Amino acid sequence: MMRAGMLTETLALDCLLKADGLMTPREHAIVQHDALRVAGRYGISAYDAQYIALAEQLRTRCVTNDKALARKVPDFCVLLSSLHP
């Protein structure tokens, strides 16, 4: 939005600080070797595996629009479209 001239740098930084303050307490760390094991187990990218490892850790499901990921990891993924038909 800064590049498009819709936000000044000052306002963008202020928004970033506020967002960081709201999100940081809700963040969960993932042990990277757990994500690597998940990637190998399911044949998915290390990036996607971080979300699956987090879902495993939290004993929940990962809501995604990625049909291939949901197909590869059905025990931990649910398609967003299936929640709101």
PDB file of N, CA and C in Angstrom:
ATOM      1  N   MET A   1       0.830  -1.193   0.000  1.00  0.00           N
ATOM      2  CA  MET A   1       0.000   0.000   0.000  1.00  0.00           C
ATOM      3  C   MET A   1       0.872   1.255   0.000  1.00  0.00           C
ATOM      4  N   MET A   2       2.067   1.143   0.581  1.00  0.00           N
ATOM      5  CA  MET A   2       2.981   2.279   0.521  1.00  0.00           C
ATOM      6  C   MET A   2       3.391   2.533  -0.931  1.00  0.00           C
ATOM      7  N   ARG A   3       3.715   1.452  -1.642  1.00  0.00           N
ATOM      8  CA  ARG A   3       4.170   1.586  -3.023  1.00  0.00           C
ATOM      9  C   ARG A   3       3.083   2.201  -3.899  1.00  0.00           C
ATOM     10  N   ALA A   4       1.824   1.889  -3.592  1.00  0.00           N
ATOM     11  CA  ALA A   4       0.702   2.436  -4.364  1.00  0.00           C
ATOM     12  C   ALA A   4       0.335   3.852  -3.918  1.00  0.00           C
ATOM     13  N   GLY A   5       1.025   4.353  -2.877  1.00  0.00           N
ATOM     14  CA  GLY A   5       0.746   5.696  -2.403  1.00  0.00           C
ATOM     15  C   GLY A   5      -0.487   5.792  -1.520  1.00  0.00           C
ATOM     16  N   MET A   6      -0.952   4.645  -1.020  1.00  0.00           N
ATOM     17  CA  MET A   6      -2.157   4.643  -0.199  1.00  0.00           C
ATOM     18  C   MET A   6      -1.842   4.802   1.286  1.00  0.00           C
ATOM     19  N   LEU A   7      -0.605   4.523   1.668  1.00  0.00           N
ATOM     20  CA  LEU A   7      -0.171   4.687   3.057  1.00  0.00           C
ATOM     21  C   LEU A   7       1.181   5.378   3.087  1.00  0.00           C
ATOM     22  N   THR A   8       1.348   6.243   4.073  1.00  0.00           N
ATOM     23  CA  THR A   8       2.675   6.821   4.295  1.00  0.00           C
ATOM     24  C   THR A   8       3.516   5.787   5.041  1.00  0.00           C
ATOM     25  N   GLU A   9       4.809   5.957   5.005  1.00  0.00           N
ATOM     26  CA  GLU A   9       5.685   5.041   5.742  1.00  0.00           C
ATOM     27  C   GLU A   9       5.377   5.090   7.236  1.00  0.00           C
ATOM     28  N   THR A  10       5.115   6.257   7.760  1.00  0.00           N
ATOM     29  CA  THR A  10       4.810   6.409   9.181  1.00  0.00           C
ATOM     30  C   THR A  10       3.553   5.622   9.556  1.00  0.00           C
ATOM     31  N   LEU A  11       2.506   5.747   8.754  1.00  0.00           N
ATOM     32  CA  LEU A  11       1.264   5.035   9.037  1.00  0.00           C
ATOM     33  C   LEU A  11       1.453   3.520   8.866  1.00  0.00           C
ATOM     34  N   ALA A  12       2.192   3.129   7.857  1.00  0.00           N
ATOM     35  CA  ALA A  12       2.449   1.703   7.631  1.00  0.00           C
ATOM     36  C   ALA A  12       3.215   1.108   8.812  1.00  0.00           C
ATOM     37  N   LEU A  13       4.212   1.816   9.310  1.00  0.00           N
ATOM     38  CA  LEU A  13       4.978   1.338  10.466  1.00  0.00           C
ATOM     39  C   LEU A  13       4.108   1.263  11.709  1.00  0.00           C
ATOM     40  N   ASP A  14       3.236   2.231  11.891  1.00  0.00           N
ATOM     41  CA  ASP A  14       2.313   2.217  13.024  1.00  0.00           C
ATOM     42  C   ASP A  14       1.380   1.001  12.947  1.00  0.00           C
ATOM     43  N   CYS A  15       0.851   0.740  11.779  1.00  0.00           N
ATOM     44  CA  CYS A  15      -0.023  -0.432  11.588  1.00  0.00           C
ATOM     45  C   CYS A  15       0.746  -1.721  11.834  1.00  0.00           C
ATOM     46  N   LEU A  16       1.967  -1.791  11.354  1.00  0.00           N
ATOM     47  CA  LEU A  16       2.800  -2.978  11.547  1.00  0.00           C
ATOM     48  C   LEU A  16       3.056  -3.232  13.027  1.00  0.00           C
ATOM     49  N   LEU A  17       3.360  -2.189  13.770  1.00  0.00           N
ATOM     50  CA  LEU A  17       3.591  -2.340  15.207  1.00  0.00           C
ATOM     51  C   LEU A  17       2.335  -2.807  15.934  1.00  0.00           C
ATOM     52  N   LYS A  18       1.186  -2.254  15.557  1.00  0.00           N
ATOM     53  CA  LYS A  18      -0.072  -2.675  16.181  1.00  0.00           C
ATOM     54  C   LYS A  18      -0.386  -4.136  15.855  1.00  0.00           C
ATOM     55  N   ALA A  19      -0.201  -4.516  14.603  1.00  0.00           N
ATOM     56  CA  ALA A  19      -0.456  -5.899  14.193  1.00  0.00           C
ATOM     57  C   ALA A  19       0.487  -6.854  14.914  1.00  0.00           C
ATOM     58  N   ASP A  20       1.739  -6.473  15.023  1.00  0.00           N
ATOM     59  CA  ASP A  20       2.714  -7.310  15.717  1.00  0.00           C
ATOM     60  C   ASP A  20       2.318  -7.494  17.184  1.00  0.00           C
ATOM     61  N   GLY A  21       1.855  -6.432  17.805  1.00  0.00           N
ATOM     62  CA  GLY A  21       1.417  -6.518  19.200  1.00  0.00           C
ATOM     63  C   GLY A  21       0.215  -7.419  19.393  1.00  0.00           C
ATOM     64  N   LEU A  22      -0.669  -7.457  18.399  1.00  0.00           N
ATOM     65  CA  LEU A  22      -1.847  -8.319  18.472  1.00  0.00           C
ATOM     66  C   LEU A  22      -1.515  -9.775  18.185  1.00  0.00           C
ATOM     67  N   MET A  23      -0.588 -10.016  17.267  1.00  0.00           N
ATOM     68  CA  MET A  23      -0.315 -11.376  16.820  1.00  0.00           C
ATOM     69  C   MET A  23       0.744 -12.107  17.648  1.00  0.00           C
ATOM     70  N   THR A  24       1.734 -11.407  18.124  1.00  0.00           N
ATOM     71  CA  THR A  24       2.853 -12.058  18.817  1.00  0.00           C
ATOM     72  C   THR A  24       2.422 -12.956  19.967  1.00  0.00           C
ATOM     73  N   PRO A  25       1.478 -12.554  20.814  1.00  0.00           N
ATOM     74  CA  PRO A  25       1.077 -13.451  21.910  1.00  0.00           C
ATOM     75  C   PRO A  25       0.391 -14.732  21.423  1.00  0.00           C
ATOM     76  N   ARG A  26      -0.065 -14.742  20.175  1.00  0.00           N
ATOM     77  CA  ARG A  26      -0.779 -15.901  19.643  1.00  0.00           C
ATOM     78  C   ARG A  26       0.107 -16.794  18.775  1.00  0.00           C
ATOM     79  N   GLU A  27       1.365 -16.440  18.628  1.00  0.00           N
ATOM     80  CA  GLU A  27       2.270 -17.227  17.792  1.00  0.00           C
ATOM     81  C   GLU A  27       2.731 -18.479  18.523  1.00  0.00           C
ATOM     82  N   HIS A  28       2.975 -19.528  17.748  1.00  0.00           N
ATOM     83  CA  HIS A  28       3.482 -20.792  18.284  1.00  0.00           C
ATOM     84  C   HIS A  28       4.743 -21.166  17.525  1.00  0.00           C
ATOM     85  N   ALA A  29       5.767 -21.512  18.267  1.00  0.00           N
ATOM     86  CA  ALA A  29       7.024 -21.916  17.647  1.00  0.00           C
ATOM     87  C   ALA A  29       6.925 -23.365  17.177  1.00  0.00           C
ATOM     88  N   ILE A  30       7.544 -23.637  16.058  1.00  0.00           N
ATOM     89  CA  ILE A  30       7.608 -24.990  15.516  1.00  0.00           C
ATOM     90  C   ILE A  30       9.067 -25.425  15.518  1.00  0.00           C
ATOM     91  N   VAL A  31       9.303 -26.619  16.002  1.00  0.00           N
ATOM     92  CA  VAL A  31      10.653 -27.180  15.943  1.00  0.00           C
ATOM     93  C   VAL A  31      10.884 -27.580  14.490  1.00  0.00           C
ATOM     94  N   GLN A  32      11.909 -27.005  13.879  1.00  0.00           N
ATOM     95  CA  GLN A  32      12.118 -27.199  12.451  1.00  0.00           C
ATOM     96  C   GLN A  32      12.382 -28.654  12.065  1.00  0.00           C
ATOM     97  N   HIS A  33      13.025 -29.421  12.932  1.00  0.00           N
ATOM     98  CA  HIS A  33      13.250 -30.825  12.538  1.00  0.00           C
ATOM     99  C   HIS A  33      11.933 -31.604  12.547  1.00  0.00           C
ATOM    100  N   ASP A  34      10.940 -31.175  13.337  1.00  0.00           N
ATOM    101  CA  ASP A  34       9.606 -31.784  13.278  1.00  0.00           C
ATOM    102  C   ASP A  34       8.967 -31.484  11.923  1.00  0.00           C
ATOM    103  N   ALA A  35       9.101 -30.259  11.470  1.00  0.00           N
ATOM    104  CA  ALA A  35       8.554 -29.878  10.167  1.00  0.00           C
ATOM    105  C   ALA A  35       9.241 -30.657   9.047  1.00  0.00           C
ATOM    106  N   LEU A  36      10.544 -30.855   9.164  1.00  0.00           N
ATOM    107  CA  LEU A  36      11.269 -31.613   8.145  1.00  0.00           C
ATOM    108  C   LEU A  36      10.783 -33.062   8.103  1.00  0.00           C
ATOM    109  N   ARG A  37      10.557 -33.645   9.251  1.00  0.00           N
ATOM    110  CA  ARG A  37      10.029 -35.018   9.296  1.00  0.00           C
ATOM    111  C   ARG A  37       8.639 -35.087   8.664  1.00  0.00           C
ATOM    112  N   VAL A  38       7.801 -34.110   8.942  1.00  0.00           N
ATOM    113  CA  VAL A  38       6.461 -34.051   8.358  1.00  0.00           C
ATOM    114  C   VAL A  38       6.563 -33.931   6.835  1.00  0.00           C
ATOM    115  N   ALA A  39       7.477 -33.089   6.365  1.00  0.00           N
ATOM    116  CA  ALA A  39       7.666 -32.919   4.922  1.00  0.00           C
ATOM    117  C   ALA A  39       8.032 -34.248   4.268  1.00  0.00           C
ATOM    118  N   GLY A  40       8.930 -34.973   4.890  1.00  0.00           N
ATOM    119  CA  GLY A  40       9.318 -36.275   4.353  1.00  0.00           C
ATOM    120  C   GLY A  40       8.197 -37.291   4.414  1.00  0.00           C
ATOM    121  N   ARG A  41       7.455 -37.288   5.499  1.00  0.00           N
ATOM    122  CA  ARG A  41       6.371 -38.253   5.689  1.00  0.00           C
ATOM    123  C   ARG A  41       5.278 -38.103   4.628  1.00  0.00           C
ATOM    124  N   TYR A  42       4.922 -36.850   4.314  1.00  0.00           N
ATOM    125  CA  TYR A  42       3.811 -36.600   3.409  1.00  0.00           C
ATOM    126  C   TYR A  42       4.234 -36.200   1.995  1.00  0.00           C
ATOM    127  N   GLY A  43       5.525 -35.990   1.781  1.00  0.00           N
ATOM    128  CA  GLY A  43       5.975 -35.558   0.464  1.00  0.00           C
ATOM    129  C   GLY A  43       5.516 -34.153   0.130  1.00  0.00           C
ATOM    130  N   ILE A  44       5.621 -33.249   1.111  1.00  0.00           N
ATOM    131  CA  ILE A  44       5.198 -31.862   0.924  1.00  0.00           C
ATOM    132  C   ILE A  44       6.380 -30.930   1.165  1.00  0.00           C
ATOM    133  N   SER A  45       6.207 -29.669   0.816  1.00  0.00           N
ATOM    134  CA  SER A  45       7.286 -28.700   1.011  1.00  0.00           C
ATOM    135  C   SER A  45       7.521 -28.448   2.496  1.00  0.00           C
ATOM    136  N   ALA A  46       8.707 -28.000   2.823  1.00  0.00           N
ATOM    137  CA  ALA A  46       9.029 -27.656   4.207  1.00  0.00           C
ATOM    138  C   ALA A  46       8.146 -26.503   4.677  1.00  0.00           C
ATOM    139  N   TYR A  47       7.808 -25.610   3.771  1.00  0.00           N
ATOM    140  CA  TYR A  47       6.912 -24.493   4.101  1.00  0.00           C
ATOM    141  C   TYR A  47       5.556 -25.026   4.550  1.00  0.00           C
ATOM    142  N   ASP A  48       4.934 -25.880   3.738  1.00  0.00           N
ATOM    143  CA  ASP A  48       3.635 -26.458   4.097  1.00  0.00           C
ATOM    144  C   ASP A  48       3.740 -27.315   5.348  1.00  0.00           C
ATOM    145  N   ALA A  49       4.851 -28.016   5.480  1.00  0.00           N
ATOM    146  CA  ALA A  49       5.042 -28.919   6.622  1.00  0.00           C
ATOM    147  C   ALA A  49       5.035 -28.171   7.952  1.00  0.00           C
ATOM    148  N   GLN A  50       5.444 -26.917   7.950  1.00  0.00           N
ATOM    149  CA  GLN A  50       5.395 -26.145   9.199  1.00  0.00           C
ATOM    150  C   GLN A  50       3.959 -25.999   9.687  1.00  0.00           C
ATOM    151  N   TYR A  51       3.026 -25.799   8.772  1.00  0.00           N
ATOM    152  CA  TYR A  51       1.616 -25.679   9.157  1.00  0.00           C
ATOM    153  C   TYR A  51       1.054 -27.010   9.635  1.00  0.00           C
ATOM    154  N   ILE A  52       1.462 -28.090   8.986  1.00  0.00           N
ATOM    155  CA  ILE A  52       0.977 -29.410   9.392  1.00  0.00           C
ATOM    156  C   ILE A  52       1.577 -29.797  10.736  1.00  0.00           C
ATOM    157  N   ALA A  53       2.855 -29.511  10.936  1.00  0.00           N
ATOM    158  CA  ALA A  53       3.498 -29.797  12.224  1.00  0.00           C
ATOM    159  C   ALA A  53       2.814 -29.004  13.338  1.00  0.00           C
ATOM    160  N   LEU A  54       2.434 -27.770  13.050  1.00  0.00           N
ATOM    161  CA  LEU A  54       1.726 -26.967  14.039  1.00  0.00           C
ATOM    162  C   LEU A  54       0.352 -27.573  14.337  1.00  0.00           C
ATOM    163  N   ALA A  55      -0.357 -28.005  13.311  1.00  0.00           N
ATOM    164  CA  ALA A  55      -1.659 -28.646  13.521  1.00  0.00           C
ATOM    165  C   ALA A  55      -1.507 -29.898  14.374  1.00  0.00           C
ATOM    166  N   GLU A  56      -0.477 -30.690  14.089  1.00  0.00           N
ATOM    167  CA  GLU A  56      -0.210 -31.878  14.909  1.00  0.00           C
ATOM    168  C   GLU A  56       0.068 -31.489  16.351  1.00  0.00           C
ATOM    169  N   GLN A  57       0.926 -30.490  16.519  1.00  0.00           N
ATOM    170  CA  GLN A  57       1.316 -30.040  17.856  1.00  0.00           C
ATOM    171  C   GLN A  57       0.107 -29.552  18.647  1.00  0.00           C
ATOM    172  N   LEU A  58      -0.789 -28.826  17.998  1.00  0.00           N
ATOM    173  CA  LEU A  58      -1.951 -28.256  18.671  1.00  0.00           C
ATOM    174  C   LEU A  58      -3.155 -29.199  18.666  1.00  0.00           C
ATOM    175  N   ARG A  59      -2.976 -30.352  18.041  1.00  0.00           N
ATOM    176  CA  ARG A  59      -4.062 -31.350  17.920  1.00  0.00           C
ATOM    177  C   ARG A  59      -5.316 -30.722  17.313  1.00  0.00           C
ATOM    178  N   THR A  60      -5.101 -30.093  16.159  1.00  0.00           N
ATOM    179  CA  THR A  60      -6.192 -29.439  15.446  1.00  0.00           C
ATOM    180  C   THR A  60      -6.022 -29.682  13.958  1.00  0.00           C
ATOM    181  N   ARG A  61      -6.812 -29.023  13.150  1.00  0.00           N
ATOM    182  CA  ARG A  61      -6.729 -29.174  11.701  1.00  0.00           C
ATOM    183  C   ARG A  61      -6.237 -27.876  11.089  1.00  0.00           C
ATOM    184  N   CYS A  62      -5.619 -28.011   9.947  1.00  0.00           N
ATOM    185  CA  CYS A  62      -5.119 -26.876   9.177  1.00  0.00           C
ATOM    186  C   CYS A  62      -6.164 -26.552   8.115  1.00  0.00           C
ATOM    187  N   VAL A  63      -6.723 -25.366   8.157  1.00  0.00           N
ATOM    188  CA  VAL A  63      -7.691 -24.940   7.152  1.00  0.00           C
ATOM    189  C   VAL A  63      -6.916 -24.323   5.997  1.00  0.00           C
ATOM    190  N   THR A  64      -7.191 -24.816   4.786  1.00  0.00           N
ATOM    191  CA  THR A  64      -6.409 -24.399   3.633  1.00  0.00           C
ATOM    192  C   THR A  64      -7.267 -24.304   2.379  1.00  0.00           C
ATOM    193  N   ASN A  65      -6.782 -23.577   1.403  1.00  0.00           N
ATOM    194  CA  ASN A  65      -7.372 -23.565   0.062  1.00  0.00           C
ATOM    195  C   ASN A  65      -6.547 -24.423  -0.885  1.00  0.00           C
ATOM    196  N   ASP A  66      -5.470 -25.009  -0.380  1.00  0.00           N
ATOM    197  CA  ASP A  66      -4.550 -25.813  -1.186  1.00  0.00           C
ATOM    198  C   ASP A  66      -5.096 -27.236  -1.304  1.00  0.00           C
ATOM    199  N   LYS A  67      -5.738 -27.532  -2.438  1.00  0.00           N
ATOM    200  CA  LYS A  67      -6.365 -28.834  -2.634  1.00  0.00           C
ATOM    201  C   LYS A  67      -5.353 -29.971  -2.611  1.00  0.00           C
ATOM    202  N   ALA A  68      -4.181 -29.741  -3.195  1.00  0.00           N
ATOM    203  CA  ALA A  68      -3.151 -30.787  -3.207  1.00  0.00           C
ATOM    204  C   ALA A  68      -2.685 -31.106  -1.792  1.00  0.00           C
ATOM    205  N   LEU A  69      -2.503 -30.089  -0.974  1.00  0.00           N
ATOM    206  CA  LEU A  69      -2.080 -30.304   0.409  1.00  0.00           C
ATOM    207  C   LEU A  69      -3.163 -31.050   1.184  1.00  0.00           C
ATOM    208  N   ALA A  70      -4.404 -30.650   1.019  1.00  0.00           N
ATOM    209  CA  ALA A  70      -5.508 -31.314   1.713  1.00  0.00           C
ATOM    210  C   ALA A  70      -5.621 -32.776   1.294  1.00  0.00           C
ATOM    211  N   ARG A  71      -5.338 -33.057   0.034  1.00  0.00           N
ATOM    212  CA  ARG A  71      -5.390 -34.429  -0.468  1.00  0.00           C
ATOM    213  C   ARG A  71      -4.239 -35.268   0.104  1.00  0.00           C
ATOM    214  N   LYS A  72      -3.069 -34.672   0.235  1.00  0.00           N
ATOM    215  CA  LYS A  72      -1.903 -35.395   0.745  1.00  0.00           C
ATOM    216  C   LYS A  72      -1.956 -35.610   2.252  1.00  0.00           C
ATOM    217  N   VAL A  73      -2.600 -34.699   2.972  1.00  0.00           N
ATOM    218  CA  VAL A  73      -2.606 -34.744   4.435  1.00  0.00           C
ATOM    219  C   VAL A  73      -4.044 -34.626   4.955  1.00  0.00           C
ATOM    220  N   PRO A  74      -4.908 -35.567   4.609  1.00  0.00           N
ATOM    221  CA  PRO A  74      -6.321 -35.438   4.973  1.00  0.00           C
ATOM    222  C   PRO A  74      -6.598 -35.501   6.476  1.00  0.00           C
ATOM    223  N   ASP A  75      -5.715 -36.120   7.242  1.00  0.00           N
ATOM    224  CA  ASP A  75      -5.937 -36.204   8.690  1.00  0.00           C
ATOM    225  C   ASP A  75      -5.751 -34.870   9.395  1.00  0.00           C
ATOM    226  N   PHE A  76      -5.000 -33.961   8.766  1.00  0.00           N
ATOM    227  CA  PHE A  76      -4.723 -32.684   9.431  1.00  0.00           C
ATOM    228  C   PHE A  76      -5.167 -31.470   8.616  1.00  0.00           C
ATOM    229  N   CYS A  77      -5.744 -31.684   7.419  1.00  0.00           N
ATOM    230  CA  CYS A  77      -6.178 -30.562   6.596  1.00  0.00           C
ATOM    231  C   CYS A  77      -7.663 -30.631   6.317  1.00  0.00           C
ATOM    232  N   VAL A  78      -8.261 -29.483   6.213  1.00  0.00           N
ATOM    233  CA  VAL A  78      -9.640 -29.355   5.779  1.00  0.00           C
ATOM    234  C   VAL A  78      -9.691 -28.177   4.815  1.00  0.00           C
ATOM    235  N   LEU A  79     -10.391 -28.359   3.699  1.00  0.00           N
ATOM    236  CA  LEU A  79     -10.523 -27.278   2.730  1.00  0.00           C
ATOM    237  C   LEU A  79     -11.492 -26.229   3.240  1.00  0.00           C
ATOM    238  N   LEU A  80     -11.122 -24.976   3.082  1.00  0.00           N
ATOM    239  CA  LEU A  80     -11.979 -23.870   3.478  1.00  0.00           C
ATOM    240  C   LEU A  80     -13.332 -23.980   2.795  1.00  0.00           C
ATOM    241  N   SER A  81     -13.326 -24.366   1.537  1.00  0.00           N
ATOM    242  CA  SER A  81     -14.579 -24.461   0.787  1.00  0.00           C
ATOM    243  C   SER A  81     -15.535 -25.492   1.374  1.00  0.00           C
ATOM    244  N   SER A  82     -15.005 -26.471   2.088  1.00  0.00           N
ATOM    245  CA  SER A  82     -15.878 -27.477   2.690  1.00  0.00           C
ATOM    246  C   SER A  82     -16.555 -26.946   3.970  1.00  0.00           C
ATOM    247  N   LEU A  83     -16.028 -25.867   4.505  1.00  0.00           N
ATOM    248  CA  LEU A  83     -16.610 -25.262   5.703  1.00  0.00           C
ATOM    249  C   LEU A  83     -17.728 -24.301   5.365  1.00  0.00           C
ATOM    250  N   HIS A  84     -17.654 -23.696   4.188  1.00  0.00           N
ATOM    251  CA  HIS A  84     -18.638 -22.709   3.739  1.00  0.00           C
ATOM    252  C   HIS A  84     -19.060 -23.056   2.319  1.00  0.00           C
ATOM    253  N   PRO A  85     -19.953 -24.036   2.177  1.00  0.00           N
ATOM    254  CA  PRO A  85     -20.356 -24.455   0.816  1.00  0.00           C
ATOM    255  C   PRO A  85     -21.063 -23.390   0.022  1.00  0.00           C
TER     256      PRO A  85
END
